Amino acid sequence: MEHIRTRIDLDHCRIAAAMIADTPDTATANLRRVCERALQHAPALRGWHLARV
């Protein structure tokens, strides 16, 4: 990951990231894994989940 930017509102967070990967699909999958790890291990994110877009 080269860069990550977030925008947090009351009930959702939008994430934009610059990822180094062979394909856009690989970059998306890598970012999803990073976000899922954060959701599992950060108490402040308890109750949050990733939206399917």
Protein backbone atom coordinates (compact mmCIF):
# COMPACT_ATOMS: atom_id res chain seq x y z
CA MET A 1 0.00 0.00 0.00
CA GLU A 2 1.41 3.37 -0.96
CA HIS A 3 -1.29 5.66 0.42
CA ILE A 4 -4.60 5.42 2.21
CA ARG A 5 -7.20 8.11 2.81
CA THR A 6 -10.43 7.87 4.76
CA ARG A 7 -13.53 9.98 5.15
CA ILE A 8 -15.63 9.22 8.20
CA ASP A 9 -19.27 10.20 8.58
CA LEU A 10 -21.66 9.27 11.41
CA ASP A 11 -22.54 5.82 10.09
CA HIS A 12 -19.95 4.98 7.44
CA CYS A 13 -16.34 5.38 6.39
CA ARG A 14 -15.13 5.69 2.81
CA ILE A 15 -11.63 4.45 2.01
CA ALA A 16 -9.47 5.30 -0.97
CA ALA A 17 -6.07 3.69 -1.35
CA ALA A 18 -3.19 3.54 -3.78
CA MET A 19 -2.07 -0.08 -3.97
CA ILE A 20 0.76 -1.69 -5.91
CA ALA A 21 -0.60 -4.85 -7.54
CA ASP A 22 -0.56 -6.69 -10.85
CA THR A 23 -4.24 -6.02 -11.56
CA PRO A 24 -7.02 -3.80 -10.23
CA ASP A 25 -8.83 -6.91 -8.91
CA THR A 26 -5.73 -7.93 -6.96
CA ALA A 27 -5.43 -4.42 -5.51
CA THR A 28 -9.08 -4.52 -4.43
CA ALA A 29 -8.66 -7.93 -2.82
CA ASN A 30 -5.51 -6.79 -0.98
CA LEU A 31 -7.24 -3.67 0.35
CA ARG A 32 -10.24 -5.74 1.44
CA ARG A 33 -7.91 -8.05 3.42
CA VAL A 34 -6.23 -5.07 5.11
CA CYS A 35 -9.62 -3.63 6.07
CA GLU A 36 -10.92 -6.98 7.33
CA ARG A 37 -7.84 -7.37 9.55
CA ALA A 38 -8.38 -3.88 10.95
CA LEU A 39 -12.04 -4.68 11.69
CA GLN A 40 -11.06 -7.88 13.49
CA HIS A 41 -8.31 -6.38 15.64
CA ALA A 42 -9.25 -2.76 16.37
CA PRO A 43 -11.67 -2.45 19.30
CA ALA A 44 -12.70 1.02 18.09
CA LEU A 45 -14.09 -0.58 14.92
CA ARG A 46 -16.25 -3.15 16.73
CA GLY A 47 -19.64 -3.39 15.02
CA TRP A 48 -18.37 -2.03 11.69
CA HIS A 49 -18.39 -4.16 8.51
CA LEU A 50 -17.33 -3.85 4.89
CA ALA A 51 -19.97 -3.01 2.32
CA ARG A 52 -20.07 -5.02 -0.89
CA VAL A 53 -19.59 -2.60 -3.76
